[in-house]
C-alpha atoms as a PDB file:
ATOM      1  CA  MET A   1     130.624 176.217  14.390  1.00  0.00           C
ATOM      2  CA  LEU A   2     134.365 176.480  14.837  1.00  0.00           C
ATOM      3  CA  LYS A   3     134.164 178.808  17.839  1.00  0.00           C
ATOM      4  CA  PRO A   4     132.189 176.431  20.158  1.00  0.00           C
ATOM      5  CA  LEU A   5     134.438 173.537  19.133  1.00  0.00           C
ATOM      6  CA  LEU A   6     137.519 175.609  19.954  1.00  0.00           C
ATOM      7  CA  ILE A   7     136.112 176.528  23.374  1.00  0.00           C
ATOM      8  CA  VAL A   8     135.348 172.890  24.226  1.00  0.00           C
ATOM      9  CA  LEU A   9     138.820 171.829  23.090  1.00  0.00           C
ATOM     10  CA  LEU A  10     140.527 174.498  25.190  1.00  0.00           C
ATOM     11  CA  VAL A  11     138.489 173.605  28.278  1.00  0.00           C
ATOM     12  CA  ALA A  12     139.311 169.908  27.857  1.00  0.00           C
ATOM     13  CA  LEU A  13     142.984 170.349  26.890  1.00  0.00           C
ATOM     14  CA  PRO A  14     144.514 170.391  30.408  1.00  0.00           C
ATOM     15  CA  THR A  15     142.531 167.318  31.435  1.00  0.00           C
ATOM     16  CA  LEU A  16     143.442 165.436  28.264  1.00  0.00           C
ATOM     17  CA  ALA A  17     147.109 166.266  28.762  1.00  0.00           C
ATOM     18  CA  TYR A  18     146.944 165.085  32.376  1.00  0.00           C
ATOM     19  CA  LEU A  19     145.183 161.847  31.415  1.00  0.00           C
ATOM     20  CA  ALA A  20     147.894 161.147  28.825  1.00  0.00           C
ATOM     21  CA  TYR A  21     150.555 161.797  31.469  1.00  0.00           C
ATOM     22  CA  VAL A  22     148.856 159.476  33.984  1.00  0.00           C
ATOM     23  CA  TRP A  23     148.436 156.777  31.348  1.00  0.00           C
ATOM     24  CA  LEU A  24     152.137 156.936  30.484  1.00  0.00           C
ATOM     25  CA  GLN A  25     153.105 156.871  34.188  1.00  0.00           C
ATOM     26  CA  THR A  26     150.934 153.830  34.914  1.00  0.00           C
ATOM     27  CA  ARG A  27     152.463 151.954  31.983  1.00  0.00           C
ATOM     28  CA  ARG A  28     155.950 152.687  33.241  1.00  0.00           C
ATOM     29  CA  ASP A  29     155.363 152.206  36.987  1.00  0.00           C
ATOM     30  CA  ASP A  30     152.744 149.419  36.716  1.00  0.00           C
ATOM     31  CA  VAL A  31     150.371 151.330  39.016  1.00  0.00           C
ATOM     32  CA  GLY A  32     146.588 151.250  38.645  1.00  0.00           C
ATOM     33  CA  PHE A  33     145.065 153.855  36.351  1.00  0.00           C
ATOM     34  CA  ALA A  34     141.936 154.224  38.522  1.00  0.00           C
ATOM     35  CA  GLY A  35     144.063 154.836  41.609  1.00  0.00           C
ATOM     36  CA  GLN A  36     145.950 157.614  39.855  1.00  0.00           C
ATOM     37  CA  LEU A  37     142.711 159.235  38.667  1.00  0.00           C
ATOM     38  CA  ALA A  38     141.241 159.193  42.173  1.00  0.00           C
ATOM     39  CA  ARG A  39     144.139 161.394  43.350  1.00  0.00           C
ATOM     40  CA  ALA A  40     143.953 163.734  40.337  1.00  0.00           C
ATOM     41  CA  PRO A  41     143.948 167.500  40.940  1.00  0.00           C
ATOM     42  CA  TRP A  42     140.553 167.986  39.261  1.00  0.00           C
ATOM     43  CA  HIS A  43     139.996 171.510  40.571  1.00  0.00           C
ATOM     44  CA  TRP A  44     143.319 172.701  39.093  1.00  0.00           C
ATOM     45  CA  LEU A  45     142.614 170.951  35.803  1.00  0.00           C
ATOM     46  CA  SER A  46     139.175 172.561  35.602  1.00  0.00           C
ATOM     47  CA  LEU A  47     140.579 175.956  36.497  1.00  0.00           C
ATOM     48  CA  GLY A  48     143.287 175.592  33.841  1.00  0.00           C
ATOM     49  CA  GLY A  49     140.730 174.676  31.175  1.00  0.00           C
ATOM     50  CA  VAL A  50     138.439 177.570  32.026  1.00  0.00           C
ATOM     51  CA  GLY A  51     141.449 179.905  32.091  1.00  0.00           C
ATOM     52  CA  LEU A  52     142.539 178.772  28.609  1.00  0.00           C
ATOM     53  CA  ALA A  53     139.020 179.226  27.258  1.00  0.00           C
ATOM     54  CA  ALA A  54     138.736 182.700  28.815  1.00  0.00           C
ATOM     55  CA  ALA A  55     142.122 183.717  27.408  1.00  0.00           C
ATOM     56  CA  SER A  56     141.174 182.531  23.928  1.00  0.00           C
ATOM     57  CA  LEU A  57     137.839 184.354  24.041  1.00  0.00           C
ATOM     58  CA  GLY A  58     139.587 187.504  25.248  1.00  0.00           C
ATOM     59  CA  ALA A  59     142.165 187.282  22.473  1.00  0.00           C
ATOM     60  CA  TRP A  60     139.430 186.675  19.921  1.00  0.00           C
ATOM     61  CA  ALA A  61     137.509 189.724  21.195  1.00  0.00           C
ATOM     62  CA  LEU A  62     140.602 191.935  21.052  1.00  0.00           C
ATOM     63  CA  MET A  63     141.757 190.797  17.616  1.00  0.00           C
ATOM     64  CA  GLY A  64     138.320 190.827  16.043  1.00  0.00           C
ATOM     65  CA  ASP A  65     137.094 189.002  12.978  1.00  0.00           C
ATOM     66  CA  PRO A  66     140.008 188.317  10.607  1.00  0.00           C
ATOM     67  CA  ALA A  67     137.691 188.410   7.594  1.00  0.00           C
ATOM     68  CA  GLY A  68     136.514 191.938   8.416  1.00  0.00           C
ATOM     69  CA  GLY A  69     133.342 193.371   6.989  1.00  0.00           C
ATOM     70  CA  THR A  70     129.798 193.444   8.317  1.00  0.00           C
ATOM     71  CA  TYR A  71     127.371 190.601   8.904  1.00  0.00           C
ATOM     72  CA  GLN A  72     123.671 191.250   8.340  1.00  0.00           C
ATOM     73  CA  PRO A  73     121.653 188.517  10.090  1.00  0.00           C
ATOM     74  CA  PRO A  74     118.592 186.907   8.486  1.00  0.00           C
ATOM     75  CA  ARG A  75     115.474 189.062   8.647  1.00  0.00           C
ATOM     76  CA  ILE A  76     111.857 189.142   7.576  1.00  0.00           C
ATOM     77  CA  GLU A  77     110.890 191.614   4.856  1.00  0.00           C
ATOM     78  CA  ASN A  78     107.339 191.736   3.498  1.00  0.00           C
ATOM     79  CA  GLY A  79     106.589 188.346   5.036  1.00  0.00           C
ATOM     80  CA  GLU A  80     109.595 186.689   3.364  1.00  0.00           C
ATOM     81  CA  ILE A  81     112.748 185.458   5.090  1.00  0.00           C
ATOM     82  CA  VAL A  82     115.828 187.153   3.645  1.00  0.00           C
ATOM     83  CA  PRO A  83     119.003 185.105   4.292  1.00  0.00           C
ATOM     84  CA  GLY A  84     121.913 186.597   6.176  1.00  0.00           C
ATOM     85  CA  THR A  85     124.726 188.218   4.218  1.00  0.00           C
ATOM     86  CA  HIS A  86     128.351 189.117   4.828  1.00  0.00           C
ATOM     87  CA  THR A  87     129.520 192.360   3.249  1.00  0.00           C
ATOM     88  CA  PRO A  88     133.314 192.751   2.985  1.00  0.00           C
ATOM     89  CA  SER A  89     134.872 195.976   4.228  1.00  0.00           C
ATOM     90  CA  ALA A  90     135.843 198.659   1.722  1.00  0.00           C
ATOM     91  CA  ASP A  91     139.567 198.546   2.660  1.00  0.00           C
END
């Protein structure tokens, strides 16, 4: 559950930072917020968000699971559903 939330946050982070910047600028300069958003560099913001998400997924893939061990997904044995288990490593 944490992983999808982290990805969404990283994709949205550049846009949220830009919106905060524009909001602060419009308060100071008394310029319209909608006018500032119309001129926003949306393609660069999107590219930055996707880049952050890709970098985080790459780092996560390289570093691996910090808990270690092996995950056995749920399965069916003799017509019964056996819940998934996490077996810690022997280190």
